[in-house]
Amino acid sequence: MEIKEVLKNFKREFDTRYVVRGLIDGSLSTLGVVIGASGGETSIIIAAGIGGGIANGISNILGALTAERAMIEEEREKKEKSLLIGNGNLKGTHEYQYKINKTMYSGTYDGISTCLGAVIPVIPFFIFDPSLALIIAIALTLLILLGLGIFIGKLSRDNLLISGLKMVLGGIIVAVICFGVENLFG
């Protein structure tokens, strides 16, 4: 398959839920890493944030591919048993191949979005002194979560403010727990 065709398919198979999920996961998990490392040197905070974000992104790609593939295989087996006598094989069907490809694209969107979301809490540490950078990292993460909550509210036709504030509340809970952990061990 040519790169042009892969990019065309990547665009066609865009899946908003994996992008939103990845952004939430990347920003919140990296915020936790940044808060947990906040007692250390700036270079350690940056390395921990970026390293954790990349690991989380790759983990999400592999996790999505593995979990989705397992579901596809389970569904295929059930169909083979109900439709075919003996050892049927639906792996060669267009539907099966479509689902496998869709899984690959969705997992990739999830992982890339996770890595992008992970950058958000780390950026302030390149610019500001660590204590100010931590406050800005939290504020940026909460702002991203507010925007994603409003976006989700718009898609689901819920109250935009309430939807946004639910996401912010989730971010605040993560920050409070991570500060508690950091204080316990820091």
C-alpha atoms as a PDB file:
ATOM      1  CA  MET A   1       0.000   0.000   0.000  1.00  0.00           C
ATOM      2  CA  GLU A   2       1.406   3.387  -1.002  1.00  0.00           C
ATOM      3  CA  ILE A   3       1.948   6.140   1.551  1.00  0.00           C
ATOM      4  CA  LYS A   4      -0.579   8.342  -0.277  1.00  0.00           C
ATOM      5  CA  GLU A   5      -3.248   5.659   0.089  1.00  0.00           C
ATOM      6  CA  VAL A   6      -2.408   5.131   3.776  1.00  0.00           C
ATOM      7  CA  LEU A   7      -2.767   8.876   4.430  1.00  0.00           C
ATOM      8  CA  LYS A   8      -6.054   8.962   2.510  1.00  0.00           C
ATOM      9  CA  ASN A   9      -7.368   6.045   4.595  1.00  0.00           C
ATOM     10  CA  PHE A  10      -6.051   7.658   7.776  1.00  0.00           C
ATOM     11  CA  LYS A  11      -8.102  10.768   6.993  1.00  0.00           C
ATOM     12  CA  ARG A  12     -11.192   8.762   5.997  1.00  0.00           C
ATOM     13  CA  GLU A  13     -11.059   6.620   9.150  1.00  0.00           C
ATOM     14  CA  PHE A  14     -10.744   9.600  11.517  1.00  0.00           C
ATOM     15  CA  ASP A  15     -12.398   8.697  14.806  1.00  0.00           C
ATOM     16  CA  THR A  16     -13.094  11.605  17.150  1.00  0.00           C
ATOM     17  CA  ARG A  17     -13.562   9.442  20.236  1.00  0.00           C
ATOM     18  CA  TYR A  18     -10.003   8.109  20.064  1.00  0.00           C
ATOM     19  CA  VAL A  19      -8.590  11.614  19.644  1.00  0.00           C
ATOM     20  CA  VAL A  20     -10.590  12.952  22.604  1.00  0.00           C
ATOM     21  CA  ARG A  21      -9.713   9.907  24.704  1.00  0.00           C
ATOM     22  CA  GLY A  22      -6.041  10.240  23.848  1.00  0.00           C
ATOM     23  CA  LEU A  23      -5.924  13.957  24.646  1.00  0.00           C
ATOM     24  CA  ILE A  24      -7.612  13.401  28.005  1.00  0.00           C
ATOM     25  CA  ASP A  25      -5.409  10.447  28.857  1.00  0.00           C
ATOM     26  CA  GLY A  26      -2.181  12.109  27.767  1.00  0.00           C
ATOM     27  CA  SER A  27      -2.795  15.417  29.514  1.00  0.00           C
ATOM     28  CA  LEU A  28      -4.066  13.935  32.793  1.00  0.00           C
ATOM     29  CA  SER A  29      -1.495  11.171  33.117  1.00  0.00           C
ATOM     30  CA  THR A  30       1.363  13.533  32.293  1.00  0.00           C
ATOM     31  CA  LEU A  31      -0.005  16.117  34.718  1.00  0.00           C
ATOM     32  CA  GLY A  32       0.213  13.392  37.350  1.00  0.00           C
ATOM     33  CA  VAL A  33       3.812  12.647  36.380  1.00  0.00           C
ATOM     34  CA  VAL A  34       4.708  16.355  36.414  1.00  0.00           C
ATOM     35  CA  ILE A  35       3.123  16.872  39.838  1.00  0.00           C
ATOM     36  CA  GLY A  36       4.795  13.731  41.162  1.00  0.00           C
ATOM     37  CA  ALA A  37       8.194  14.884  39.911  1.00  0.00           C
ATOM     38  CA  SER A  38       7.660  18.532  40.907  1.00  0.00           C
ATOM     39  CA  GLY A  39      10.029  18.253  43.853  1.00  0.00           C
ATOM     40  CA  GLY A  40      12.903  17.463  41.488  1.00  0.00           C
ATOM     41  CA  GLU A  41      15.037  19.403  39.052  1.00  0.00           C
ATOM     42  CA  THR A  42      13.391  20.920  35.982  1.00  0.00           C
ATOM     43  CA  SER A  43      15.250  18.510  33.693  1.00  0.00           C
ATOM     44  CA  ILE A  44      13.857  15.564  35.660  1.00  0.00           C
ATOM     45  CA  ILE A  45      10.321  16.953  35.466  1.00  0.00           C
ATOM     46  CA  ILE A  46      10.638  17.446  31.692  1.00  0.00           C
ATOM     47  CA  ALA A  47      12.227  14.025  31.123  1.00  0.00           C
ATOM     48  CA  ALA A  48       9.630  12.288  33.302  1.00  0.00           C
ATOM     49  CA  GLY A  49       6.764  14.126  31.583  1.00  0.00           C
ATOM     50  CA  ILE A  50       7.963  13.490  28.038  1.00  0.00           C
ATOM     51  CA  GLY A  51       9.071   9.915  28.759  1.00  0.00           C
ATOM     52  CA  GLY A  52       5.809   9.121  30.513  1.00  0.00           C
ATOM     53  CA  GLY A  53       3.804  10.718  27.701  1.00  0.00           C
ATOM     54  CA  ILE A  54       5.588   8.743  24.986  1.00  0.00           C
ATOM     55  CA  ALA A  55       5.266   5.507  26.957  1.00  0.00           C
ATOM     56  CA  ASN A  56       1.574   6.209  27.544  1.00  0.00           C
ATOM     57  CA  GLY A  57       1.018   6.950  23.838  1.00  0.00           C
ATOM     58  CA  ILE A  58       2.716   3.750  22.714  1.00  0.00           C
ATOM     59  CA  SER A  59       0.857   1.826  25.402  1.00  0.00           C
ATOM     60  CA  ASN A  60      -2.455   3.234  24.125  1.00  0.00           C
ATOM     61  CA  ILE A  61      -1.635   2.212  20.552  1.00  0.00           C
ATOM     62  CA  LEU A  62      -0.759  -1.320  21.627  1.00  0.00           C
ATOM     63  CA  GLY A  63      -3.662  -1.513  24.075  1.00  0.00           C
ATOM     64  CA  ALA A  64      -6.206  -0.340  21.515  1.00  0.00           C
ATOM     65  CA  LEU A  65      -4.850  -2.661  18.844  1.00  0.00           C
ATOM     66  CA  THR A  66      -4.782  -5.649  21.177  1.00  0.00           C
ATOM     67  CA  ALA A  67      -8.162  -5.084  22.817  1.00  0.00           C
ATOM     68  CA  GLU A  68      -9.957  -4.246  19.574  1.00  0.00           C
ATOM     69  CA  ARG A  69      -8.311  -7.173  17.776  1.00  0.00           C
ATOM     70  CA  ALA A  70      -9.470  -9.534  20.515  1.00  0.00           C
ATOM     71  CA  MET A  71     -13.045  -8.280  20.108  1.00  0.00           C
ATOM     72  CA  ILE A  72     -12.873  -8.652  16.317  1.00  0.00           C
ATOM     73  CA  GLU A  73     -11.528 -12.200  16.623  1.00  0.00           C
ATOM     74  CA  GLU A  74     -14.186 -13.148  19.158  1.00  0.00           C
ATOM     75  CA  GLU A  75     -16.917 -11.794  16.858  1.00  0.00           C
ATOM     76  CA  ARG A  76     -15.388 -13.588  13.849  1.00  0.00           C
ATOM     77  CA  GLU A  77     -15.302 -16.904  15.707  1.00  0.00           C
ATOM     78  CA  LYS A  78     -18.955 -16.576  16.722  1.00  0.00           C
ATOM     79  CA  LYS A  79     -19.961 -15.791  13.137  1.00  0.00           C
ATOM     80  CA  GLU A  80     -17.946 -18.697  11.782  1.00  0.00           C
ATOM     81  CA  LYS A  81     -19.569 -21.087  14.220  1.00  0.00           C
ATOM     82  CA  SER A  82     -23.083 -19.871  13.451  1.00  0.00           C
ATOM     83  CA  LEU A  83     -22.703 -19.484   9.669  1.00  0.00           C
ATOM     84  CA  LEU A  84     -20.350 -22.199   8.625  1.00  0.00           C
ATOM     85  CA  ILE A  85     -20.080 -25.918   9.099  1.00  0.00           C
ATOM     86  CA  GLY A  86     -16.657 -27.152  10.204  1.00  0.00           C
ATOM     87  CA  ASN A  87     -13.644 -24.912  10.060  1.00  0.00           C
ATOM     88  CA  GLY A  88     -14.847 -21.856   8.190  1.00  0.00           C
ATOM     89  CA  ASN A  89     -12.647 -18.874   7.634  1.00  0.00           C
ATOM     90  CA  LEU A  90     -13.991 -15.345   7.576  1.00  0.00           C
ATOM     91  CA  LYS A  91     -10.529 -13.772   7.792  1.00  0.00           C
ATOM     92  CA  GLY A  92     -10.492 -13.292   4.045  1.00  0.00           C
ATOM     93  CA  THR A  93     -13.685 -11.233   3.995  1.00  0.00           C
ATOM     94  CA  HIS A  94     -13.871  -7.536   3.250  1.00  0.00           C
ATOM     95  CA  GLU A  95     -15.680  -6.879   6.554  1.00  0.00           C
ATOM     96  CA  TYR A  96     -12.948  -8.562   8.597  1.00  0.00           C
ATOM     97  CA  GLN A  97     -10.153  -6.686   6.816  1.00  0.00           C
ATOM     98  CA  TYR A  98     -12.031  -3.394   7.191  1.00  0.00           C
ATOM     99  CA  LYS A  99     -12.353  -3.913  10.954  1.00  0.00           C
ATOM    100  CA  ILE A 100      -8.667  -4.790  11.302  1.00  0.00           C
ATOM    101  CA  ASN A 101      -7.654  -1.676   9.329  1.00  0.00           C
ATOM    102  CA  LYS A 102     -10.091   0.516  11.274  1.00  0.00           C
ATOM    103  CA  THR A 103      -8.555  -0.765  14.499  1.00  0.00           C
ATOM    104  CA  MET A 104      -5.078   0.108  13.279  1.00  0.00           C
ATOM    105  CA  TYR A 105      -6.081   3.667  12.398  1.00  0.00           C
ATOM    106  CA  SER A 106      -8.090   4.201  15.596  1.00  0.00           C
ATOM    107  CA  GLY A 107      -5.275   2.902  17.774  1.00  0.00           C
ATOM    108  CA  THR A 108      -2.812   5.165  16.012  1.00  0.00           C
ATOM    109  CA  TYR A 109      -5.083   8.181  16.526  1.00  0.00           C
ATOM    110  CA  ASP A 110      -5.365   7.268  20.191  1.00  0.00           C
ATOM    111  CA  GLY A 111      -1.600   7.000  20.661  1.00  0.00           C
ATOM    112  CA  ILE A 112      -0.717  10.148  18.735  1.00  0.00           C
ATOM    113  CA  SER A 113      -3.391  12.127  20.593  1.00  0.00           C
ATOM    114  CA  THR A 114      -2.083  10.790  23.892  1.00  0.00           C
ATOM    115  CA  CYS A 115       1.438  11.989  23.021  1.00  0.00           C
ATOM    116  CA  LEU A 116       0.081  15.401  21.985  1.00  0.00           C
ATOM    117  CA  GLY A 117      -1.951  15.688  25.170  1.00  0.00           C
ATOM    118  CA  ALA A 118       1.132  14.728  27.169  1.00  0.00           C
ATOM    119  CA  VAL A 119       3.067  17.700  25.814  1.00  0.00           C
ATOM    120  CA  ILE A 120       0.628  20.216  27.320  1.00  0.00           C
ATOM    121  CA  PRO A 121       1.648  19.909  30.998  1.00  0.00           C
ATOM    122  CA  VAL A 122       5.366  19.805  30.121  1.00  0.00           C
ATOM    123  CA  ILE A 123       5.630  22.942  27.947  1.00  0.00           C
ATOM    124  CA  PRO A 124       5.616  25.443  30.846  1.00  0.00           C
ATOM    125  CA  PHE A 125       8.730  23.820  32.321  1.00  0.00           C
ATOM    126  CA  PHE A 126      10.735  24.847  29.255  1.00  0.00           C
ATOM    127  CA  ILE A 127       9.798  28.501  29.816  1.00  0.00           C
ATOM    128  CA  PHE A 128       9.135  29.242  33.483  1.00  0.00           C
ATOM    129  CA  ASP A 129      10.623  28.596  36.888  1.00  0.00           C
ATOM    130  CA  PRO A 130       9.384  25.197  38.223  1.00  0.00           C
ATOM    131  CA  SER A 131       6.897  26.506  40.802  1.00  0.00           C
ATOM    132  CA  LEU A 132       5.235  28.859  38.302  1.00  0.00           C
ATOM    133  CA  ALA A 133       5.476  26.216  35.562  1.00  0.00           C
ATOM    134  CA  LEU A 134       3.573  23.759  37.749  1.00  0.00           C
ATOM    135  CA  ILE A 135       0.705  26.223  38.245  1.00  0.00           C
ATOM    136  CA  ILE A 136       0.629  26.978  34.513  1.00  0.00           C
ATOM    137  CA  ALA A 137       0.759  23.231  33.681  1.00  0.00           C
ATOM    138  CA  ILE A 138      -2.276  22.620  35.883  1.00  0.00           C
ATOM    139  CA  ALA A 139      -4.114  25.620  34.418  1.00  0.00           C
ATOM    140  CA  LEU A 140      -3.339  24.572  30.816  1.00  0.00           C
ATOM    141  CA  THR A 141      -4.466  21.008  31.490  1.00  0.00           C
ATOM    142  CA  LEU A 142      -7.709  22.198  33.093  1.00  0.00           C
ATOM    143  CA  LEU A 143      -8.272  24.563  30.157  1.00  0.00           C
ATOM    144  CA  ILE A 144      -7.800  21.711  27.664  1.00  0.00           C
ATOM    145  CA  LEU A 145     -10.168  19.538  29.701  1.00  0.00           C
ATOM    146  CA  LEU A 146     -12.735  22.351  29.774  1.00  0.00           C
ATOM    147  CA  GLY A 147     -12.507  22.650  25.985  1.00  0.00           C
ATOM    148  CA  LEU A 148     -12.831  18.891  25.496  1.00  0.00           C
ATOM    149  CA  GLY A 149     -15.789  18.785  27.893  1.00  0.00           C
ATOM    150  CA  ILE A 150     -17.522  21.569  25.976  1.00  0.00           C
ATOM    151  CA  PHE A 151     -16.788  19.744  22.714  1.00  0.00           C
ATOM    152  CA  ILE A 152     -18.253  16.505  24.110  1.00  0.00           C
ATOM    153  CA  GLY A 153     -21.260  18.445  25.422  1.00  0.00           C
ATOM    154  CA  LYS A 154     -21.818  19.944  21.983  1.00  0.00           C
ATOM    155  CA  LEU A 155     -21.673  16.516  20.318  1.00  0.00           C
ATOM    156  CA  SER A 156     -24.041  14.984  22.858  1.00  0.00           C
ATOM    157  CA  ARG A 157     -26.259  18.084  23.014  1.00  0.00           C
ATOM    158  CA  ASP A 158     -25.756  18.374  26.761  1.00  0.00           C
ATOM    159  CA  ASN A 159     -25.327  21.571  28.731  1.00  0.00           C
ATOM    160  CA  LEU A 160     -21.932  22.822  27.528  1.00  0.00           C
ATOM    161  CA  LEU A 161     -20.898  24.422  30.810  1.00  0.00           C
ATOM    162  CA  ILE A 162     -21.820  21.390  32.908  1.00  0.00           C
ATOM    163  CA  SER A 163     -20.090  19.059  30.463  1.00  0.00           C
ATOM    164  CA  GLY A 164     -16.957  21.214  30.542  1.00  0.00           C
ATOM    165  CA  LEU A 165     -16.984  21.540  34.315  1.00  0.00           C
ATOM    166  CA  LYS A 166     -17.291  17.750  34.735  1.00  0.00           C
ATOM    167  CA  MET A 167     -14.041  17.352  32.827  1.00  0.00           C
ATOM    168  CA  VAL A 168     -12.381  20.103  34.867  1.00  0.00           C
ATOM    169  CA  LEU A 169     -13.529  18.395  38.061  1.00  0.00           C
ATOM    170  CA  GLY A 170     -11.864  15.183  36.868  1.00  0.00           C
ATOM    171  CA  GLY A 171      -8.644  17.124  36.325  1.00  0.00           C
ATOM    172  CA  ILE A 172      -8.852  18.718  39.773  1.00  0.00           C
ATOM    173  CA  ILE A 173      -9.363  15.310  41.366  1.00  0.00           C
ATOM    174  CA  VAL A 174      -6.278  13.968  39.558  1.00  0.00           C
ATOM    175  CA  ALA A 175      -4.220  16.992  40.649  1.00  0.00           C
ATOM    176  CA  VAL A 176      -5.308  16.732  44.305  1.00  0.00           C
ATOM    177  CA  ILE A 177      -4.564  13.001  44.445  1.00  0.00           C
ATOM    178  CA  CYS A 178      -1.188  13.470  42.763  1.00  0.00           C
ATOM    179  CA  PHE A 179      -0.234  16.300  45.133  1.00  0.00           C
ATOM    180  CA  GLY A 180      -1.182  13.985  48.007  1.00  0.00           C
ATOM    181  CA  VAL A 181       1.039  11.244  46.626  1.00  0.00           C
ATOM    182  CA  GLU A 182       3.884  13.683  45.986  1.00  0.00           C
ATOM    183  CA  ASN A 183       3.634  15.043  49.544  1.00  0.00           C
ATOM    184  CA  LEU A 184       3.504  11.522  50.965  1.00  0.00           C
ATOM    185  CA  PHE A 185       6.689  10.430  49.193  1.00  0.00           C
ATOM    186  CA  GLY A 186       8.376  13.734  48.314  1.00  0.00           C
END
